[in-house]
Protein backbone atom coordinates (compact mmCIF):
# COMPACT_ATOMS: atom_id res chain seq x y z
CA MET A 1 8.19 -66.36 49.97
CA GLY A 2 5.86 -66.11 46.63
CA SER A 3 2.76 -67.19 45.20
CA PRO A 4 2.45 -69.97 42.98
CA ILE A 5 1.44 -67.33 40.55
CA CYS A 6 4.99 -65.99 40.94
CA VAL A 7 7.63 -67.55 38.06
CA ALA A 8 10.30 -65.16 37.44
CA ARG A 9 12.97 -63.76 39.90
CA LYS A 10 14.30 -60.08 40.70
CA ARG A 11 17.58 -59.51 42.06
CA LEU A 12 17.76 -58.08 45.56
CA ASP A 13 21.00 -55.67 45.20
CA PHE A 14 23.42 -55.91 48.42
CA ILE A 15 23.53 -52.56 50.56
CA ALA A 16 26.82 -53.11 53.18
CA ARG A 17 25.51 -51.28 56.29
CA PRO A 18 28.26 -47.79 57.29
CA GLY A 19 30.93 -49.73 58.87
CA ASP A 20 30.58 -53.58 57.91
CA ASN A 21 33.27 -54.41 55.99
CA SER A 22 32.42 -58.22 55.90
CA PRO A 23 31.77 -59.53 51.96
CA PRO A 24 28.36 -60.14 51.13
CA ARG A 25 26.86 -62.73 50.88
CA GLN A 26 26.10 -64.28 47.83
CA ALA A 27 23.66 -66.88 46.23
CA PHE A 28 22.63 -67.29 42.07
CA ALA A 29 25.85 -66.12 41.50
CA GLY A 30 26.47 -62.89 43.61
CA ALA A 31 23.16 -61.56 43.80
CA LEU A 32 19.96 -62.49 45.90
CA TRP A 33 16.68 -63.07 44.50
CA GLU A 34 13.25 -62.75 45.44
CA ASP A 35 10.22 -64.25 42.98
CA VAL A 36 8.49 -61.58 40.80
CA PRO A 37 4.83 -61.60 39.00
CA VAL A 38 5.55 -62.42 35.34
CA GLU A 39 3.95 -59.35 34.96
CA GLU A 40 6.17 -57.45 37.10
CA LEU A 41 9.25 -59.79 34.52
CA ILE A 42 7.92 -58.33 31.22
CA LYS A 43 7.65 -55.17 32.57
CA GLN A 44 11.31 -55.10 33.95
CA ILE A 45 12.29 -56.17 30.53
CA GLY A 46 10.88 -53.86 28.80
CA VAL A 47 12.20 -50.78 30.50
CA ALA A 48 15.55 -52.44 30.33
CA VAL A 49 15.17 -52.95 26.61
CA GLY A 50 13.28 -49.60 26.08
CA VAL A 51 10.14 -50.86 24.67
CA GLU A 52 6.54 -50.94 25.98
CA GLU A 53 4.82 -54.44 27.56
CA ASN A 54 3.20 -55.34 24.74
CA VAL A 55 6.47 -55.21 22.66
CA ALA A 56 8.34 -57.06 25.39
CA LYS A 57 5.35 -59.74 25.81
CA ALA A 58 5.25 -60.17 22.22
CA ALA A 59 9.82 -60.47 21.50
CA ILE A 60 9.64 -62.99 25.11
CA GLY A 61 7.26 -65.06 22.86
CA HIS A 62 8.94 -64.99 19.93
CA ILE A 63 12.81 -66.27 21.80
CA LEU A 64 11.15 -68.65 23.37
CA GLY A 65 9.24 -70.15 20.39
CA PHE A 66 12.71 -69.79 18.20
CA LEU A 67 14.47 -72.30 21.35
CA HIS A 68 11.40 -74.21 21.17
CA ARG A 69 11.37 -75.31 17.67
CA GLU A 70 15.21 -75.39 17.88
CA PHE A 71 15.57 -77.34 20.85
CA PRO A 72 12.49 -78.82 21.97
CA ASP A 73 13.69 -81.31 24.56
CA GLY A 74 15.83 -80.89 27.92
CA PRO A 75 16.66 -77.78 28.95
CA VAL A 76 13.92 -75.21 26.89
CA ALA A 77 11.18 -77.84 28.35
CA GLU A 78 12.08 -77.38 31.07
CA LEU A 79 12.34 -73.90 30.66
CA LEU A 80 8.90 -73.39 29.63
CA ASP A 81 7.60 -76.07 31.95
CA LYS A 82 8.89 -73.40 34.73
CA LEU A 83 7.46 -70.39 33.11
CA PRO A 84 3.77 -70.07 33.23
CA GLY A 85 2.11 -69.04 30.49
CA ALA A 86 5.18 -69.35 28.66
CA ARG A 87 3.38 -71.19 25.55
CA GLU A 88 0.98 -69.38 25.30
CA ALA A 89 3.20 -66.43 24.77
CA ILE A 90 4.94 -68.43 21.98
CA ALA A 91 1.47 -68.91 20.72
CA ALA A 92 -0.02 -65.50 21.00
CA ALA A 93 3.66 -64.02 19.74
CA GLU A 94 3.53 -66.51 16.51
CA ALA A 95 0.00 -65.57 15.24
CA MET A 96 1.11 -61.29 15.26
CA PRO A 97 1.31 -60.03 11.87
CA THR A 98 5.03 -58.37 11.33
CA ASP A 99 5.25 -55.54 9.84
CA GLY A 100 8.22 -54.04 8.23
CA LEU A 101 10.91 -53.90 5.30
CA ALA A 102 13.49 -54.70 7.38
CA ALA A 103 11.08 -57.54 8.65
CA ALA A 104 10.26 -59.03 5.41
CA ALA A 105 14.23 -58.34 4.42
CA LEU A 106 15.95 -60.37 7.15
CA GLY A 107 13.08 -63.09 6.91
CA GLY A 108 13.35 -63.60 3.35
CA LEU A 109 17.52 -63.83 3.42
CA SER A 110 16.75 -66.87 6.55
CA GLY A 111 15.58 -68.90 3.42
CA LEU A 112 18.54 -67.86 1.43
CA VAL A 113 21.18 -68.74 4.76
CA GLY A 114 18.75 -71.75 5.61
CA GLY A 115 19.66 -74.06 9.14
CA VAL A 116 19.94 -72.12 12.81
CA LYS A 117 21.35 -69.20 11.55
CA GLY A 118 18.74 -68.73 9.10
CA ASP A 119 16.36 -69.40 11.76
CA VAL A 120 18.32 -66.29 13.46
CA MET A 121 18.04 -64.09 10.72
CA ALA A 122 14.33 -64.95 11.27
CA LEU A 123 14.05 -64.25 14.83
CA ALA A 124 15.98 -60.88 14.30
CA GLY A 125 13.36 -60.29 11.03
CA LYS A 126 10.55 -60.52 13.60
CA LEU A 127 11.67 -58.34 16.18
CA SER A 128 12.99 -55.89 14.15
CA GLY A 129 9.11 -56.07 12.95
CA LEU A 130 8.62 -55.34 16.45
CA GLY A 131 10.55 -52.05 16.39
CA LEU A 132 13.09 -53.35 18.40
CA ASP A 133 16.74 -52.28 16.96
CA MET A 134 20.03 -54.64 16.98
CA GLY A 135 20.87 -53.65 20.49
CA GLN A 136 17.36 -53.24 21.89
CA MET A 137 17.54 -56.83 20.35
CA GLN A 138 20.92 -58.06 22.53
CA LYS A 139 19.92 -56.29 25.50
CA LEU A 140 16.10 -58.46 25.44
CA SER A 141 18.45 -61.83 24.52
CA HIS A 142 20.32 -61.14 27.41
CA GLU A 143 17.11 -60.08 30.00
CA VAL A 144 16.31 -63.57 28.80
CA PHE A 145 19.05 -65.66 29.19
CA ALA A 146 19.96 -63.80 32.83
CA HIS A 147 16.05 -64.75 34.00
CA ALA A 148 16.30 -68.45 32.49
CA GLU A 149 19.55 -68.68 34.32
CA THR A 150 17.46 -68.09 37.35
CA LEU A 151 14.83 -70.78 36.46
CA ILE A 152 16.99 -73.87 34.99
CA GLY A 153 20.55 -73.35 36.04
CA LYS A 154 23.46 -71.71 33.97
CA ASP A 155 24.24 -75.28 33.79
CA ASN A 156 21.00 -75.86 31.23
CA VAL A 157 21.62 -71.94 29.68
CA ASP A 158 24.83 -72.81 28.65
CA LYS A 159 23.54 -76.22 27.12
CA ILE A 160 20.99 -74.53 25.14
CA VAL A 161 23.94 -72.40 24.08
CA ALA A 162 26.33 -75.08 23.19
CA ALA A 163 23.14 -76.65 20.97
CA ILE A 164 22.40 -73.35 19.30
CA PRO A 165 26.15 -71.63 18.98
CA ALA A 166 23.96 -69.23 16.80
CA LEU A 167 22.56 -67.65 19.76
CA ALA A 168 26.45 -66.81 21.90
CA PRO A 169 26.79 -63.27 20.76
CA PHE A 170 23.05 -62.53 22.60
CA ARG A 171 24.23 -64.31 25.56
């Protein structure tokens, strides 16, 4: 199906033939999937969110880094293990300087709020520093969680969201 460097899944749309009234065959919650290289995943997320690939890659690194800091074991560790290059993306994202007044403001507020909610605000500040608006952040998070479901399953993604309730609106 795919080469060893393939770590993503791409949804294949079901197209019925004319006159075919049978229900579509379903896999992975109603979609058929094929392996896609990481570079293609970054492109897909970039297009879906409306950002350049380097921004998509950095944003994905920030999200994965946040998940790893908040829930380092269990499903997040499994996700990072099944996504070669994830730890490198986290390190690269963390090494990037963030620019912008919004990033600084949200990062500063995160210290006042504290805890996971403060960490979510710090993440929002980093993503804002990359130039993402709130709508793009929500779309990015949705895409990352959808991809995570293909790698570790819906139940494990549910465990991550349950452990970090502040993520629920971004799923």
